Amino acid sequence: MTDAARAFAMIIEPGGHFVAARDGETLLEAALRAGLSLPRSCRNGTCRACMCRLVDGEIDYRVEWPGLTAEEKAGGWILPCVALAKSDVTIDQPDTRERVPDPRPVRSRGF
């Protein structure tokens, strides 16, 4: 498998949602691509809206130091909006929801 095709399994508890997190894709991006909605706002690691616990696995960050204290990082807290899977991971995010498709019809742009 080439690096471009590499992916890691992400399990989101307590719902048991399974997502494949692609190489270079944040955990949040992977969840959204799979039709799941996680709490989020800034998407750059500062607002902490997405903060959750890493139960198992290894991550790295897109940013040098995300908006977590050293104590939070040591306690297993992560920010999925800037976290990259470096192994199969399990996160605890009880506020995960399946996205509901927008029922409104797509309108043309005047054509």
Protein backbone atom coordinates (compact mmCIF):
# COMPACT_ATOMS: atom_id res chain seq x y z
CA MET A 1 0.00 0.00 0.00
CA THR A 2 1.44 3.40 -0.91
CA ASP A 3 1.51 6.30 1.54
CA ALA A 4 -1.19 8.07 -0.50
CA ALA A 5 -3.52 5.08 -0.05
CA ARG A 6 -2.80 4.55 3.66
CA ALA A 7 -5.74 4.81 6.04
CA PHE A 8 -6.37 4.04 9.68
CA ALA A 9 -9.52 2.82 11.38
CA MET A 10 -11.25 5.30 13.67
CA ILE A 11 -13.94 4.13 16.05
CA ILE A 12 -16.06 6.84 17.64
CA GLU A 13 -17.59 5.80 20.94
CA PRO A 14 -20.02 5.46 22.55
CA GLY A 15 -21.92 4.95 19.28
CA GLY A 16 -19.46 2.48 17.77
CA HIS A 17 -19.20 4.44 14.51
CA PHE A 18 -16.43 3.16 12.22
CA VAL A 19 -14.60 5.53 9.88
CA ALA A 20 -11.49 5.15 7.72
CA ALA A 21 -9.21 8.13 8.35
CA ARG A 22 -7.09 8.73 5.25
CA ASP A 23 -3.46 9.78 5.38
CA GLY A 24 -3.29 13.56 5.85
CA GLU A 25 -6.98 13.84 6.74
CA THR A 26 -7.97 15.09 10.19
CA LEU A 27 -10.21 12.96 12.36
CA LEU A 28 -12.94 15.59 11.95
CA GLU A 29 -12.61 15.58 8.15
CA ALA A 30 -12.81 11.77 8.12
CA ALA A 31 -15.95 11.79 10.26
CA LEU A 32 -17.63 14.44 8.09
CA ARG A 33 -16.75 12.53 4.91
CA ALA A 34 -18.38 9.44 6.45
CA GLY A 35 -21.61 11.33 7.13
CA LEU A 36 -21.04 11.95 10.84
CA SER A 37 -21.24 15.29 12.58
CA LEU A 38 -18.89 16.01 15.48
CA PRO A 39 -18.97 19.21 17.52
CA ARG A 40 -16.81 21.82 15.77
CA SER A 41 -16.36 25.49 15.09
CA CYS A 42 -12.97 26.94 14.16
CA ARG A 43 -11.29 23.88 12.58
CA ASN A 44 -7.86 25.23 13.45
CA GLY A 45 -7.31 23.95 16.99
CA THR A 46 -8.14 27.07 18.98
CA CYS A 47 -11.83 27.12 19.96
CA ARG A 48 -11.88 23.67 21.66
CA ALA A 49 -15.47 22.95 20.54
CA CYS A 50 -14.41 19.52 19.23
CA MET A 51 -12.38 18.51 22.30
CA CYS A 52 -12.76 14.82 23.17
CA ARG A 53 -10.74 11.95 24.62
CA LEU A 54 -8.41 9.64 22.75
CA VAL A 55 -9.22 6.20 24.19
CA ASP A 56 -6.72 4.23 22.13
CA GLY A 57 -4.16 4.77 19.38
CA GLU A 58 -1.74 7.48 18.34
CA ILE A 59 -2.29 10.86 16.73
CA ASP A 60 -0.22 13.77 15.57
CA TYR A 61 -1.30 17.36 14.97
CA ARG A 62 -1.39 19.59 11.90
CA VAL A 63 -0.47 22.54 14.10
CA GLU A 64 2.54 22.82 16.40
CA TRP A 65 0.61 23.25 19.64
CA PRO A 66 -3.19 22.96 19.53
CA GLY A 67 -5.38 24.77 22.08
CA LEU A 68 -4.85 22.25 24.88
CA THR A 69 -2.97 22.58 28.12
CA ALA A 70 -0.12 20.18 28.86
CA GLU A 71 -2.32 18.62 31.55
CA GLU A 72 -5.19 18.07 29.08
CA LYS A 73 -2.85 16.45 26.57
CA ALA A 74 -1.42 14.21 29.29
CA GLY A 75 -5.00 13.31 30.29
CA GLY A 76 -5.80 12.04 26.80
CA TRP A 77 -7.76 15.04 25.50
CA ILE A 78 -7.42 15.81 21.79
CA LEU A 79 -8.78 18.21 19.19
CA PRO A 80 -10.06 16.15 16.22
CA CYS A 81 -10.18 19.21 13.96
CA VAL A 82 -6.37 19.21 13.75
CA ALA A 83 -5.58 15.60 14.81
CA LEU A 84 -4.16 13.13 12.29
CA ALA A 85 -4.32 9.39 12.94
CA LYS A 86 -0.92 7.71 13.16
CA SER A 87 -2.45 4.32 13.99
CA ASP A 88 -5.94 2.89 14.38
CA VAL A 89 -7.69 5.10 16.94
CA THR A 90 -10.71 5.10 19.21
CA ILE A 91 -12.12 8.40 20.43
CA ASP A 92 -14.83 9.12 22.97
CA GLN A 93 -17.18 11.77 21.56
CA PRO A 94 -20.73 11.26 22.88
CA ASP A 95 -22.06 14.20 20.84
CA THR A 96 -21.45 12.47 17.48
CA ARG A 97 -24.52 12.55 15.25
CA GLU A 98 -25.31 11.14 11.85
CA ARG A 99 -25.77 14.00 9.42
CA VAL A 100 -29.25 14.31 8.01
CA PRO A 101 -29.37 15.17 4.31
CA ASP A 102 -30.92 18.54 3.49
CA PRO A 103 -34.46 17.76 2.22
CA ARG A 104 -34.70 21.01 0.23
CA PRO A 105 -34.47 20.56 -3.54
CA VAL A 106 -31.37 21.83 -5.28
CA ARG A 107 -32.22 24.97 -7.20
CA SER A 108 -30.63 25.89 -10.46
CA ARG A 109 -28.76 29.15 -10.76
CA GLY A 110 -31.05 30.73 -13.33
CA PHE A 111 -30.41 28.24 -16.10
